Amino acid sequence: MRIVFDPAEQEALRADAREMADSDPQIAYVLERLAGEGVDLDAVTSWEELRDKLGQPPLDDSAPASHVA
């Protein structure tokens, strides 16, 4: 399954990409790819799967919240 953006959303993503091109080219690249290709939901890794791959414990409501400023 793939999520695709309508033309107005694509243009908004591309406008953001143009604004960020000088300061953060990696994010600009991702935004441009999202605008053009959408999101392949079959290739998305869940947050819990990613945490597991990185060796981090699962999140639950009893875990202390990190207060990072």
PDB file of N, CA and C in Angstrom:
ATOM      1  N   MET A   1       0.843  -1.165   0.000  1.00  0.00           N
ATOM      2  CA  MET A   1       0.000   0.000   0.000  1.00  0.00           C
ATOM      3  C   MET A   1       0.897   1.239   0.000  1.00  0.00           C
ATOM      4  N   ARG A   2       0.491   2.231  -0.733  1.00  0.00           N
ATOM      5  CA  ARG A   2       1.280   3.457  -0.863  1.00  0.00           C
ATOM      6  C   ARG A   2       0.383   4.663  -0.600  1.00  0.00           C
ATOM      7  N   ILE A   3       0.879   5.586   0.216  1.00  0.00           N
ATOM      8  CA  ILE A   3       0.206   6.860   0.416  1.00  0.00           C
ATOM      9  C   ILE A   3       0.816   7.843  -0.578  1.00  0.00           C
ATOM     10  N   VAL A   4      -0.046   8.512  -1.340  1.00  0.00           N
ATOM     11  CA  VAL A   4       0.436   9.543  -2.256  1.00  0.00           C
ATOM     12  C   VAL A   4      -0.205  10.868  -1.863  1.00  0.00           C
ATOM     13  N   PHE A   5       0.490  11.937  -2.121  1.00  0.00           N
ATOM     14  CA  PHE A   5       0.015  13.257  -1.753  1.00  0.00           C
ATOM     15  C   PHE A   5      -0.681  13.916  -2.930  1.00  0.00           C
ATOM     16  N   ASP A   6      -1.725  14.693  -2.633  1.00  0.00           N
ATOM     17  CA  ASP A   6      -2.402  15.401  -3.717  1.00  0.00           C
ATOM     18  C   ASP A   6      -1.503  16.547  -4.185  1.00  0.00           C
ATOM     19  N   PRO A   7      -1.816  17.154  -5.336  1.00  0.00           N
ATOM     20  CA  PRO A   7      -0.936  18.187  -5.905  1.00  0.00           C
ATOM     21  C   PRO A   7      -0.632  19.351  -4.949  1.00  0.00           C
ATOM     22  N   ALA A   8      -1.595  19.782  -4.168  1.00  0.00           N
ATOM     23  CA  ALA A   8      -1.348  20.893  -3.239  1.00  0.00           C
ATOM     24  C   ALA A   8      -0.371  20.470  -2.143  1.00  0.00           C
ATOM     25  N   GLU A   9      -0.525  19.248  -1.641  1.00  0.00           N
ATOM     26  CA  GLU A   9       0.402  18.746  -0.621  1.00  0.00           C
ATOM     27  C   GLU A   9       1.798  18.562  -1.209  1.00  0.00           C
ATOM     28  N   GLN A  10       1.872  18.067  -2.436  1.00  0.00           N
ATOM     29  CA  GLN A  10       3.174  17.908  -3.088  1.00  0.00           C
ATOM     30  C   GLN A  10       3.876  19.251  -3.225  1.00  0.00           C
ATOM     31  N   GLU A  11       3.143  20.267  -3.626  1.00  0.00           N
ATOM     32  CA  GLU A  11       3.745  21.589  -3.790  1.00  0.00           C
ATOM     33  C   GLU A  11       4.200  22.143  -2.442  1.00  0.00           C
ATOM     34  N   ALA A  12       3.430  21.908  -1.384  1.00  0.00           N
ATOM     35  CA  ALA A  12       3.825  22.378  -0.051  1.00  0.00           C
ATOM     36  C   ALA A  12       5.109  21.678   0.404  1.00  0.00           C
ATOM     37  N   LEU A  13       5.209  20.368   0.153  1.00  0.00           N
ATOM     38  CA  LEU A  13       6.429  19.637   0.504  1.00  0.00           C
ATOM     39  C   LEU A  13       7.618  20.153  -0.292  1.00  0.00           C
ATOM     40  N   ARG A  14       7.399  20.415  -1.570  1.00  0.00           N
ATOM     41  CA  ARG A  14       8.489  20.924  -2.411  1.00  0.00           C
ATOM     42  C   ARG A  14       8.903  22.338  -2.008  1.00  0.00           C
ATOM     43  N   ALA A  15       7.932  23.164  -1.605  1.00  0.00           N
ATOM     44  CA  ALA A  15       8.264  24.513  -1.136  1.00  0.00           C
ATOM     45  C   ALA A  15       9.118  24.434   0.130  1.00  0.00           C
ATOM     46  N   ASP A  16       8.745  23.532   1.049  1.00  0.00           N
ATOM     47  CA  ASP A  16       9.552  23.339   2.256  1.00  0.00           C
ATOM     48  C   ASP A  16      10.947  22.849   1.894  1.00  0.00           C
ATOM     49  N   ALA A  17      11.028  21.945   0.920  1.00  0.00           N
ATOM     50  CA  ALA A  17      12.330  21.421   0.493  1.00  0.00           C
ATOM     51  C   ALA A  17      13.207  22.533  -0.066  1.00  0.00           C
ATOM     52  N   ARG A  18      12.622  23.417  -0.861  1.00  0.00           N
ATOM     53  CA  ARG A  18      13.400  24.537  -1.411  1.00  0.00           C
ATOM     54  C   ARG A  18      13.917  25.452  -0.301  1.00  0.00           C
ATOM     55  N   GLU A  19      13.078  25.696   0.712  1.00  0.00           N
ATOM     56  CA  GLU A  19      13.492  26.552   1.823  1.00  0.00           C
ATOM     57  C   GLU A  19      14.627  25.931   2.626  1.00  0.00           C
ATOM     58  N   MET A  20      14.646  24.611   2.728  1.00  0.00           N
ATOM     59  CA  MET A  20      15.637  23.931   3.556  1.00  0.00           C
ATOM     60  C   MET A  20      16.872  23.486   2.784  1.00  0.00           C
ATOM     61  N   ALA A  21      16.881  23.677   1.505  1.00  0.00           N
ATOM     62  CA  ALA A  21      17.966  23.143   0.673  1.00  0.00           C
ATOM     63  C   ALA A  21      19.345  23.620   1.117  1.00  0.00           C
ATOM     64  N   ASP A  22      19.486  24.875   1.473  1.00  0.00           N
ATOM     65  CA  ASP A  22      20.790  25.399   1.886  1.00  0.00           C
ATOM     66  C   ASP A  22      21.159  25.005   3.306  1.00  0.00           C
ATOM     67  N   SER A  23      20.177  25.034   4.213  1.00  0.00           N
ATOM     68  CA  SER A  23      20.479  24.791   5.624  1.00  0.00           C
ATOM     69  C   SER A  23      20.473  23.314   5.998  1.00  0.00           C
ATOM     70  N   ASP A  24      19.636  22.517   5.361  1.00  0.00           N
ATOM     71  CA  ASP A  24      19.540  21.093   5.713  1.00  0.00           C
ATOM     72  C   ASP A  24      19.218  20.277   4.458  1.00  0.00           C
ATOM     73  N   PRO A  25      20.226  20.020   3.622  1.00  0.00           N
ATOM     74  CA  PRO A  25      19.965  19.353   2.344  1.00  0.00           C
ATOM     75  C   PRO A  25      19.420  17.934   2.479  1.00  0.00           C
ATOM     76  N   GLN A  26      19.757  17.246   3.561  1.00  0.00           N
ATOM     77  CA  GLN A  26      19.239  15.882   3.718  1.00  0.00           C
ATOM     78  C   GLN A  26      17.719  15.893   3.906  1.00  0.00           C
ATOM     79  N   ILE A  27      17.224  16.803   4.748  1.00  0.00           N
ATOM     80  CA  ILE A  27      15.780  16.901   4.953  1.00  0.00           C
ATOM     81  C   ILE A  27      15.106  17.373   3.670  1.00  0.00           C
ATOM     82  N   ALA A  28      15.717  18.303   2.977  1.00  0.00           N
ATOM     83  CA  ALA A  28      15.161  18.777   1.708  1.00  0.00           C
ATOM     84  C   ALA A  28      15.016  17.617   0.722  1.00  0.00           C
ATOM     85  N   TYR A  29      16.025  16.754   0.670  1.00  0.00           N
ATOM     86  CA  TYR A  29      15.985  15.592  -0.218  1.00  0.00           C
ATOM     87  C   TYR A  29      14.829  14.662   0.149  1.00  0.00           C
ATOM     88  N   VAL A  30      14.664  14.413   1.440  1.00  0.00           N
ATOM     89  CA  VAL A  30      13.585  13.529   1.896  1.00  0.00           C
ATOM     90  C   VAL A  30      12.229  14.128   1.545  1.00  0.00           C
ATOM     91  N   LEU A  31      12.055  15.416   1.783  1.00  0.00           N
ATOM     92  CA  LEU A  31      10.783  16.059   1.459  1.00  0.00           C
ATOM     93  C   LEU A  31      10.473  15.976  -0.033  1.00  0.00           C
ATOM     94  N   GLU A  32      11.480  16.188  -0.856  1.00  0.00           N
ATOM     95  CA  GLU A  32      11.284  16.098  -2.304  1.00  0.00           C
ATOM     96  C   GLU A  32      10.895  14.679  -2.713  1.00  0.00           C
ATOM     97  N   ARG A  33      11.557  13.683  -2.126  1.00  0.00           N
ATOM     98  CA  ARG A  33      11.211  12.290  -2.443  1.00  0.00           C
ATOM     99  C   ARG A  33       9.805  11.952  -1.985  1.00  0.00           C
ATOM    100  N   LEU A  34       9.416  12.427  -0.807  1.00  0.00           N
ATOM    101  CA  LEU A  34       8.049  12.199  -0.334  1.00  0.00           C
ATOM    102  C   LEU A  34       7.032  12.811  -1.288  1.00  0.00           C
ATOM    103  N   ALA A  35       7.317  14.025  -1.737  1.00  0.00           N
ATOM    104  CA  ALA A  35       6.398  14.692  -2.663  1.00  0.00           C
ATOM    105  C   ALA A  35       6.245  13.893  -3.950  1.00  0.00           C
ATOM    106  N   GLY A  36       7.347  13.377  -4.465  1.00  0.00           N
ATOM    107  CA  GLY A  36       7.312  12.683  -5.749  1.00  0.00           C
ATOM    108  C   GLY A  36       6.845  11.245  -5.680  1.00  0.00           C
ATOM    109  N   GLU A  37       7.201  10.561  -4.608  1.00  0.00           N
ATOM    110  CA  GLU A  37       6.958   9.117  -4.544  1.00  0.00           C
ATOM    111  C   GLU A  37       5.918   8.702  -3.516  1.00  0.00           C
ATOM    112  N   GLY A  38       5.606   9.558  -2.571  1.00  0.00           N
ATOM    113  CA  GLY A  38       4.693   9.170  -1.506  1.00  0.00           C
ATOM    114  C   GLY A  38       5.413   8.279  -0.502  1.00  0.00           C
ATOM    115  N   VAL A  39       4.631   7.484   0.229  1.00  0.00           N
ATOM    116  CA  VAL A  39       5.178   6.622   1.273  1.00  0.00           C
ATOM    117  C   VAL A  39       4.722   5.192   1.016  1.00  0.00           C
ATOM    118  N   ASP A  40       5.673   4.279   0.906  1.00  0.00           N
ATOM    119  CA  ASP A  40       5.364   2.859   0.743  1.00  0.00           C
ATOM    120  C   ASP A  40       5.169   2.260   2.129  1.00  0.00           C
ATOM    121  N   LEU A  41       3.909   2.037   2.520  1.00  0.00           N
ATOM    122  CA  LEU A  41       3.620   1.557   3.864  1.00  0.00           C
ATOM    123  C   LEU A  41       4.139   0.143   4.110  1.00  0.00           C
ATOM    124  N   ASP A  42       4.349  -0.630   3.054  1.00  0.00           N
ATOM    125  CA  ASP A  42       4.868  -1.983   3.226  1.00  0.00           C
ATOM    126  C   ASP A  42       6.349  -1.974   3.594  1.00  0.00           C
ATOM    127  N   ALA A  43       7.031  -0.864   3.340  1.00  0.00           N
ATOM    128  CA  ALA A  43       8.462  -0.776   3.631  1.00  0.00           C
ATOM    129  C   ALA A  43       8.761   0.013   4.903  1.00  0.00           C
ATOM    130  N   VAL A  44       7.716   0.451   5.607  1.00  0.00           N
ATOM    131  CA  VAL A  44       7.904   1.267   6.805  1.00  0.00           C
ATOM    132  C   VAL A  44       8.243   0.368   7.990  1.00  0.00           C
ATOM    133  N   THR A  45       9.218   0.801   8.782  1.00  0.00           N
ATOM    134  CA  THR A  45       9.591   0.098  10.004  1.00  0.00           C
ATOM    135  C   THR A  45       8.906   0.784  11.171  1.00  0.00           C
ATOM    136  N   SER A  46       8.253   0.000  12.029  1.00  0.00           N
ATOM    137  CA  SER A  46       7.578   0.595  13.172  1.00  0.00           C
ATOM    138  C   SER A  46       8.594   1.102  14.189  1.00  0.00           C
ATOM    139  N   TRP A  47       8.141   2.013  15.034  1.00  0.00           N
ATOM    140  CA  TRP A  47       9.010   2.582  16.063  1.00  0.00           C
ATOM    141  C   TRP A  47       9.534   1.478  16.983  1.00  0.00           C
ATOM    142  N   GLU A  48       8.665   0.546  17.375  1.00  0.00           N
ATOM    143  CA  GLU A  48       9.091  -0.536  18.267  1.00  0.00           C
ATOM    144  C   GLU A  48      10.104  -1.464  17.589  1.00  0.00           C
ATOM    145  N   GLU A  49       9.910  -1.761  16.308  1.00  0.00           N
ATOM    146  CA  GLU A  49      10.893  -2.580  15.585  1.00  0.00           C
ATOM    147  C   GLU A  49      12.252  -1.889  15.533  1.00  0.00           C
ATOM    148  N   LEU A  50      12.237  -0.592  15.281  1.00  0.00           N
ATOM    149  CA  LEU A  50      13.478   0.170  15.230  1.00  0.00           C
ATOM    150  C   LEU A  50      14.163   0.181  16.592  1.00  0.00           C
ATOM    151  N   ARG A  51      13.412   0.397  17.657  1.00  0.00           N
ATOM    152  CA  ARG A  51      13.984   0.374  19.009  1.00  0.00           C
ATOM    153  C   ARG A  51      14.592  -0.988  19.296  1.00  0.00           C
ATOM    154  N   ASP A  52      13.905  -2.072  18.904  1.00  0.00           N
ATOM    155  CA  ASP A  52      14.410  -3.417  19.129  1.00  0.00           C
ATOM    156  C   ASP A  52      15.716  -3.647  18.376  1.00  0.00           C
ATOM    157  N   LYS A  53      15.775  -3.197  17.116  1.00  0.00           N
ATOM    158  CA  LYS A  53      17.002  -3.354  16.317  1.00  0.00           C
ATOM    159  C   LYS A  53      18.172  -2.608  16.939  1.00  0.00           C
ATOM    160  N   LEU A  54      17.884  -1.485  17.613  1.00  0.00           N
ATOM    161  CA  LEU A  54      18.928  -0.683  18.243  1.00  0.00           C
ATOM    162  C   LEU A  54      19.257  -1.143  19.659  1.00  0.00           C
ATOM    163  N   GLY A  55      18.564  -2.211  20.122  1.00  0.00           N
ATOM    164  CA  GLY A  55      18.829  -2.750  21.450  1.00  0.00           C
ATOM    165  C   GLY A  55      18.239  -1.928  22.577  1.00  0.00           C
ATOM    166  N   GLN A  56      17.239  -1.119  22.281  1.00  0.00           N
ATOM    167  CA  GLN A  56      16.605  -0.313  23.316  1.00  0.00           C
ATOM    168  C   GLN A  56      15.375  -1.043  23.851  1.00  0.00           C
ATOM    169  N   PRO A  57      15.050  -0.826  25.125  1.00  0.00           N
ATOM    170  CA  PRO A  57      13.873  -1.486  25.692  1.00  0.00           C
ATOM    171  C   PRO A  57      12.591  -0.921  25.090  1.00  0.00           C
ATOM    172  N   PRO A  58      11.530  -1.717  25.094  1.00  0.00           N
ATOM    173  CA  PRO A  58      10.256  -1.214  24.570  1.00  0.00           C
ATOM    174  C   PRO A  58       9.727  -0.074  25.440  1.00  0.00           C
ATOM    175  N   LEU A  59       8.986   0.825  24.822  1.00  0.00           N
ATOM    176  CA  LEU A  59       8.366   1.916  25.566  1.00  0.00           C
ATOM    177  C   LEU A  59       7.081   1.427  26.191  1.00  0.00           C
ATOM    178  N   ASP A  60       6.840   1.858  27.425  1.00  0.00           N
ATOM    179  CA  ASP A  60       5.548   1.602  28.055  1.00  0.00           C
ATOM    180  C   ASP A  60       5.237   2.782  28.971  1.00  0.00           C
ATOM    181  N   ASP A  61       4.029   2.796  29.509  1.00  0.00           N
ATOM    182  CA  ASP A  61       3.600   3.931  30.320  1.00  0.00           C
ATOM    183  C   ASP A  61       4.348   4.036  31.640  1.00  0.00           C
ATOM    184  N   SER A  62       4.979   2.947  32.090  1.00  0.00           N
ATOM    185  CA  SER A  62       5.683   2.980  33.368  1.00  0.00           C
ATOM    186  C   SER A  62       7.111   3.486  33.237  1.00  0.00           C
ATOM    187  N   ALA A  63       7.613   3.607  31.992  1.00  0.00           N
ATOM    188  CA  ALA A  63       8.985   4.086  31.785  1.00  0.00           C
ATOM    189  C   ALA A  63       9.064   5.556  32.147  1.00  0.00           C
ATOM    190  N   PRO A  64      10.155   5.958  32.812  1.00  0.00           N
ATOM    191  CA  PRO A  64      10.287   7.379  33.155  1.00  0.00           C
ATOM    192  C   PRO A  64      10.458   8.223  31.895  1.00  0.00           C
ATOM    193  N   ALA A  65       9.847   9.373  31.908  1.00  0.00           N
ATOM    194  CA  ALA A  65       9.941  10.278  30.759  1.00  0.00           C
ATOM    195  C   ALA A  65      11.275  11.021  30.834  1.00  0.00           C
ATOM    196  N   SER A  66      11.871  11.186  29.683  1.00  0.00           N
ATOM    197  CA  SER A  66      13.112  11.945  29.603  1.00  0.00           C
ATOM    198  C   SER A  66      12.779  13.405  29.410  1.00  0.00           C
ATOM    199  N   HIS A  67      13.371  14.251  30.222  1.00  0.00           N
ATOM    200  CA  HIS A  67      13.125  15.687  30.115  1.00  0.00           C
ATOM    201  C   HIS A  67      14.359  16.338  29.509  1.00  0.00           C
ATOM    202  N   VAL A  68      14.367  16.397  28.199  1.00  0.00           N
ATOM    203  CA  VAL A  68      15.500  16.982  27.485  1.00  0.00           C
ATOM    204  C   VAL A  68      15.064  18.323  26.934  1.00  0.00           C
ATOM    205  N   ALA A  69      15.849  19.338  27.202  1.00  0.00           N
ATOM    206  CA  ALA A  69      15.493  20.674  26.718  1.00  0.00           C
ATOM    207  C   ALA A  69      16.139  20.925  25.376  1.00  0.00           C
TER     208      ALA A  69
END
